[in-house]
C-alpha atoms as a PDB file:
ATOM      1  CA  UNK A   1       0.151   0.244  -0.362  1.00  0.00           C
ATOM      2  CA  UNK A   2       1.177   3.661  -0.370  1.00  0.00           C
ATOM      3  CA  UNK A   3      -0.846   5.428   1.453  1.00  0.00           C
ATOM      4  CA  UNK A   4      -3.782   5.643   3.245  1.00  0.00           C
ATOM      5  CA  UNK A   5      -6.640   8.392   1.266  1.00  0.00           C
ATOM      6  CA  UNK A   6      -8.656  10.696   3.524  1.00  0.00           C
ATOM      7  CA  UNK A   7     -10.875  12.527   1.369  1.00  0.00           C
ATOM      8  CA  UNK A   8     -12.218  13.751  -2.397  1.00  0.00           C
ATOM      9  CA  UNK A   9      -9.440  16.424  -2.902  1.00  0.00           C
ATOM     10  CA  UNK A  10      -6.551  13.207  -2.428  1.00  0.00           C
ATOM     11  CA  UNK A  11      -8.520  11.428  -4.532  1.00  0.00           C
ATOM     12  CA  UNK A  12      -9.205  13.600  -7.097  1.00  0.00           C
ATOM     13  CA  UNK A  13      -5.555  14.531  -7.243  1.00  0.00           C
ATOM     14  CA  UNK A  14      -4.487  10.917  -7.275  1.00  0.00           C
ATOM     15  CA  UNK A  15      -7.099  10.020  -9.815  1.00  0.00           C
ATOM     16  CA  UNK A  16      -5.931  13.496 -11.885  1.00  0.00           C
ATOM     17  CA  UNK A  17      -1.512  12.519 -12.113  1.00  0.00           C
ATOM     18  CA  UNK A  18      -2.265   9.061 -12.427  1.00  0.00           C
ATOM     19  CA  UNK A  19      -0.204   8.554 -15.131  1.00  0.00           C
ATOM     20  CA  UNK A  20       3.002  10.401 -12.706  1.00  0.00           C
ATOM     21  CA  UNK A  21       1.761   8.592  -9.487  1.00  0.00           C
ATOM     22  CA  UNK A  22       0.905   5.297 -10.983  1.00  0.00           C
ATOM     23  CA  UNK A  23      -1.213   2.538  -8.794  1.00  0.00           C
ATOM     24  CA  UNK A  24      -4.698   2.952  -8.415  1.00  0.00           C
ATOM     25  CA  UNK A  25      -7.488   3.875  -5.228  1.00  0.00           C
ATOM     26  CA  UNK A  26      -9.374   0.521  -4.244  1.00  0.00           C
ATOM     27  CA  UNK A  27     -12.139   1.579  -1.520  1.00  0.00           C
ATOM     28  CA  UNK A  28     -12.425  -0.894   0.852  1.00  0.00           C
ATOM     29  CA  UNK A  29     -16.605  -0.697   0.862  1.00  0.00           C
ATOM     30  CA  UNK A  30     -18.742   2.136  -0.899  1.00  0.00           C
ATOM     31  CA  UNK A  31     -22.367   1.888   0.635  1.00  0.00           C
ATOM     32  CA  UNK A  32     -24.764   4.413  -1.395  1.00  0.00           C
ATOM     33  CA  UNK A  33     -27.303   5.925   0.289  1.00  0.00           C
ATOM     34  CA  UNK A  34     -29.649   3.278  -1.110  1.00  0.00           C
ATOM     35  CA  UNK A  35     -28.097   1.174   0.841  1.00  0.00           C
ATOM     36  CA  UNK A  36     -26.425  -0.713  -2.199  1.00  0.00           C
ATOM     37  CA  UNK A  37     -22.390  -2.205  -0.471  1.00  0.00           C
ATOM     38  CA  UNK A  38     -19.614  -2.661  -3.069  1.00  0.00           C
ATOM     39  CA  UNK A  39     -16.410  -3.941  -1.904  1.00  0.00           C
ATOM     40  CA  UNK A  40     -13.730  -3.450  -3.023  1.00  0.00           C
ATOM     41  CA  UNK A  41     -14.585  -1.019  -6.168  1.00  0.00           C
ATOM     42  CA  UNK A  42     -11.457   1.261  -8.570  1.00  0.00           C
ATOM     43  CA  UNK A  43     -12.201   4.961  -8.144  1.00  0.00           C
ATOM     44  CA  UNK A  44     -11.657   5.859 -12.116  1.00  0.00           C
ATOM     45  CA  UNK A  45     -13.217   8.915 -12.518  1.00  0.00           C
ATOM     46  CA  UNK A  46     -14.117  12.410 -10.555  1.00  0.00           C
ATOM     47  CA  UNK A  47     -16.103  14.888 -12.044  1.00  0.00           C
ATOM     48  CA  UNK A  48     -16.079  18.445 -10.861  1.00  0.00           C
ATOM     49  CA  UNK A  49     -18.379  21.492 -11.617  1.00  0.00           C
ATOM     50  CA  UNK A  50     -17.093  24.746 -10.433  1.00  0.00           C
ATOM     51  CA  UNK A  51     -14.740  23.499  -7.791  1.00  0.00           C
ATOM     52  CA  UNK A  52     -17.168  20.803  -6.513  1.00  0.00           C
ATOM     53  CA  UNK A  53     -16.981  17.632  -6.990  1.00  0.00           C
ATOM     54  CA  UNK A  54     -20.139  15.736  -8.793  1.00  0.00           C
ATOM     55  CA  UNK A  55     -19.657  12.586  -9.184  1.00  0.00           C
ATOM     56  CA  UNK A  56     -17.151   9.443  -8.771  1.00  0.00           C
ATOM     57  CA  UNK A  57     -16.584   6.753 -10.932  1.00  0.00           C
ATOM     58  CA  UNK A  58     -16.279   2.939 -10.449  1.00  0.00           C
ATOM     59  CA  UNK A  59     -15.654  -0.549 -11.222  1.00  0.00           C
ATOM     60  CA  UNK A  60     -17.207  -2.988  -8.775  1.00  0.00           C
ATOM     61  CA  UNK A  61     -15.487  -6.391  -8.147  1.00  0.00           C
ATOM     62  CA  UNK A  62     -17.960  -7.263 -10.892  1.00  0.00           C
ATOM     63  CA  UNK A  63     -16.248  -5.299 -13.992  1.00  0.00           C
ATOM     64  CA  UNK A  64     -19.818  -2.725 -13.637  1.00  0.00           C
ATOM     65  CA  UNK A  65     -18.701   0.014 -13.822  1.00  0.00           C
ATOM     66  CA  UNK A  66     -20.950   2.205 -12.061  1.00  0.00           C
ATOM     67  CA  UNK A  67     -21.001   6.942 -12.057  1.00  0.00           C
ATOM     68  CA  UNK A  68     -22.539   8.258  -8.773  1.00  0.00           C
ATOM     69  CA  UNK A  69     -23.347  11.673  -8.227  1.00  0.00           C
ATOM     70  CA  UNK A  70     -21.272  13.070  -4.640  1.00  0.00           C
ATOM     71  CA  UNK A  71     -24.670  13.036  -2.444  1.00  0.00           C
ATOM     72  CA  UNK A  72     -25.957   9.500  -3.463  1.00  0.00           C
ATOM     73  CA  UNK A  73     -22.646   8.522  -1.490  1.00  0.00           C
ATOM     74  CA  UNK A  74     -23.024   7.332   2.061  1.00  0.00           C
ATOM     75  CA  UNK A  75     -19.280   5.928   2.837  1.00  0.00           C
ATOM     76  CA  UNK A  76     -16.415   5.511   1.448  1.00  0.00           C
ATOM     77  CA  UNK A  77     -14.614   2.926   3.669  1.00  0.00           C
ATOM     78  CA  UNK A  78     -10.838   2.505   3.783  1.00  0.00           C
ATOM     79  CA  UNK A  79      -9.895   4.135   0.363  1.00  0.00           C
ATOM     80  CA  UNK A  80      -5.534   3.556  -0.489  1.00  0.00           C
ATOM     81  CA  UNK A  81      -3.522   3.938  -2.827  1.00  0.00           C
ATOM     82  CA  UNK A  82      -2.145   0.715  -3.957  1.00  0.00           C
ATOM     83  CA  UNK A  83       0.052  -0.413  -6.687  1.00  0.00           C
ATOM     84  CA  UNK A  84      -2.078  -2.097  -9.169  1.00  0.00           C
ATOM     85  CA  UNK A  85      -0.359  -5.094  -9.190  1.00  0.00           C
ATOM     86  CA  UNK A  86      -2.125  -5.101  -5.382  1.00  0.00           C
ATOM     87  CA  UNK A  87      -5.747  -4.501  -6.348  1.00  0.00           C
ATOM     88  CA  UNK A  88      -7.955  -6.947  -4.756  1.00  0.00           C
ATOM     89  CA  UNK A  89     -10.687  -5.818  -7.515  1.00  0.00           C
ATOM     90  CA  UNK A  90      -9.068  -8.518 -10.007  1.00  0.00           C
ATOM     91  CA  UNK A  91     -11.257  -7.097 -13.329  1.00  0.00           C
ATOM     92  CA  UNK A  92      -9.508  -3.952 -12.472  1.00  0.00           C
ATOM     93  CA  UNK A  93      -6.133  -5.361 -11.851  1.00  0.00           C
ATOM     94  CA  UNK A  94      -6.095  -7.227 -15.318  1.00  0.00           C
ATOM     95  CA  UNK A  95      -6.980  -4.258 -17.386  1.00  0.00           C
ATOM     96  CA  UNK A  96      -4.774  -1.846 -15.560  1.00  0.00           C
ATOM     97  CA  UNK A  97      -2.058  -3.992 -15.809  1.00  0.00           C
ATOM     98  CA  UNK A  98      -2.843  -4.520 -18.804  1.00  0.00           C
ATOM     99  CA  UNK A  99      -2.663  -1.234 -20.201  1.00  0.00           C
ATOM    100  CA  UNK A 100       0.724  -0.352 -17.927  1.00  0.00           C
ATOM    101  CA  UNK A 101       2.346  -3.470 -19.839  1.00  0.00           C
ATOM    102  CA  UNK A 102       1.242  -1.798 -22.963  1.00  0.00           C
ATOM    103  CA  UNK A 103       2.215   1.823 -22.062  1.00  0.00           C
ATOM    104  CA  UNK A 104       6.120  -0.030 -20.485  1.00  0.00           C
ATOM    105  CA  UNK A 105       6.290  -2.030 -24.275  1.00  0.00           C
ATOM    106  CA  UNK A 106       5.509   1.238 -26.220  1.00  0.00           C
ATOM    107  CA  UNK A 107       7.857   3.330 -23.567  1.00  0.00           C
ATOM    108  CA  UNK A 108      10.845   1.396 -24.432  1.00  0.00           C
ATOM    109  CA  UNK A 109       9.802   0.614 -27.882  1.00  0.00           C
ATOM    110  CA  UNK A 110      10.587   4.614 -28.410  1.00  0.00           C
ATOM    111  CA  UNK A 111      13.399   4.409 -26.516  1.00  0.00           C
ATOM    112  CA  UNK A 112      14.963   1.928 -27.686  1.00  0.00           C
ATOM    113  CA  UNK A 113      18.955   2.856 -27.236  1.00  0.00           C
ATOM    114  CA  UNK A 114      18.603   5.481 -25.541  1.00  0.00           C
ATOM    115  CA  UNK A 115      18.165   5.601 -21.700  1.00  0.00           C
ATOM    116  CA  UNK A 116      18.101   8.515 -20.462  1.00  0.00           C
ATOM    117  CA  UNK A 117      17.316   9.400 -16.400  1.00  0.00           C
ATOM    118  CA  UNK A 118      13.765  10.120 -17.077  1.00  0.00           C
ATOM    119  CA  UNK A 119      13.222   7.183 -19.599  1.00  0.00           C
ATOM    120  CA  UNK A 120      14.290   4.957 -16.460  1.00  0.00           C
ATOM    121  CA  UNK A 121      12.663   6.708 -13.931  1.00  0.00           C
ATOM    122  CA  UNK A 122       9.061   5.954 -16.355  1.00  0.00           C
ATOM    123  CA  UNK A 123      10.193   2.631 -16.965  1.00  0.00           C
ATOM    124  CA  UNK A 124      10.701   1.668 -13.855  1.00  0.00           C
ATOM    125  CA  UNK A 125       7.138   3.238 -12.275  1.00  0.00           C
ATOM    126  CA  UNK A 126       5.245   1.102 -14.805  1.00  0.00           C
ATOM    127  CA  UNK A 127       7.210  -2.287 -13.897  1.00  0.00           C
ATOM    128  CA  UNK A 128       7.199  -1.853 -10.119  1.00  0.00           C
ATOM    129  CA  UNK A 129       3.256  -0.783 -10.040  1.00  0.00           C
ATOM    130  CA  UNK A 130       2.577  -4.175 -12.697  1.00  0.00           C
ATOM    131  CA  UNK A 131       4.891  -5.742 -10.211  1.00  0.00           C
ATOM    132  CA  UNK A 132       8.486  -6.279 -10.897  1.00  0.00           C
ATOM    133  CA  UNK A 133       8.105  -9.804 -12.289  1.00  0.00           C
ATOM    134  CA  UNK A 134       5.368  -9.851 -14.151  1.00  0.00           C
ATOM    135  CA  UNK A 135       6.984  -6.786 -16.605  1.00  0.00           C
ATOM    136  CA  UNK A 136       9.867  -9.246 -16.868  1.00  0.00           C
ATOM    137  CA  UNK A 137       7.539 -11.581 -19.074  1.00  0.00           C
ATOM    138  CA  UNK A 138       7.581  -9.549 -21.333  1.00  0.00           C
ATOM    139  CA  UNK A 139       9.885  -6.927 -21.409  1.00  0.00           C
ATOM    140  CA  UNK A 140      13.450  -6.720 -21.127  1.00  0.00           C
ATOM    141  CA  UNK A 141      14.183  -4.509 -18.350  1.00  0.00           C
ATOM    142  CA  UNK A 142      17.817  -5.162 -18.171  1.00  0.00           C
ATOM    143  CA  UNK A 143      18.486  -1.116 -18.593  1.00  0.00           C
ATOM    144  CA  UNK A 144      16.919  -0.805 -15.333  1.00  0.00           C
ATOM    145  CA  UNK A 145      19.895  -0.259 -12.354  1.00  0.00           C
ATOM    146  CA  UNK A 146      19.652  -3.078 -10.307  1.00  0.00           C
ATOM    147  CA  UNK A 147      18.488  -2.674  -6.328  1.00  0.00           C
ATOM    148  CA  UNK A 148      20.558  -3.986  -4.101  1.00  0.00           C
ATOM    149  CA  UNK A 149      18.830  -6.120  -1.729  1.00  0.00           C
ATOM    150  CA  UNK A 150      19.822  -6.245   1.879  1.00  0.00           C
ATOM    151  CA  UNK A 151      21.885  -9.351   3.054  1.00  0.00           C
ATOM    152  CA  UNK A 152      20.843 -11.072   5.647  1.00  0.00           C
ATOM    153  CA  UNK A 153      23.200 -12.994   7.981  1.00  0.00           C
ATOM    154  CA  UNK A 154      22.554 -15.269   9.765  1.00  0.00           C
ATOM    155  CA  UNK A 155      24.515 -15.906  13.011  1.00  0.00           C
ATOM    156  CA  UNK A 156      25.247 -19.324  15.161  1.00  0.00           C
END
């Protein structure tokens, strides 16, 4: 988990800057005023009208996409910013991982032969978001600096 979400402004910031910060926002539970409850909903969109939030789009575990007016939301519980590989919502994990992998492949294709720090930074962000092991199965990431693992010493 990257960090806990504390309000609509945090949600909006993560969604608006998704390409720069990676990950996704997953709520443990979204409850509507009608009593409907959606577990592990992934928030995908927040609409504003002027300076006020007016609607939120999210995807349920079944893959159903809903757009709800903020006045119809009773509660959003345990909202957190997580890497795509850590999403509990399998439908969105697969969709977002495929999207990130496609972008990583295209990024590597466009920067072939050129290894700038900006390129390395974005490629590393995408690989960590997807899961480094999963990314390595599809893309050659030999250009990324190896993160030295802490050595564990056992005494006696």
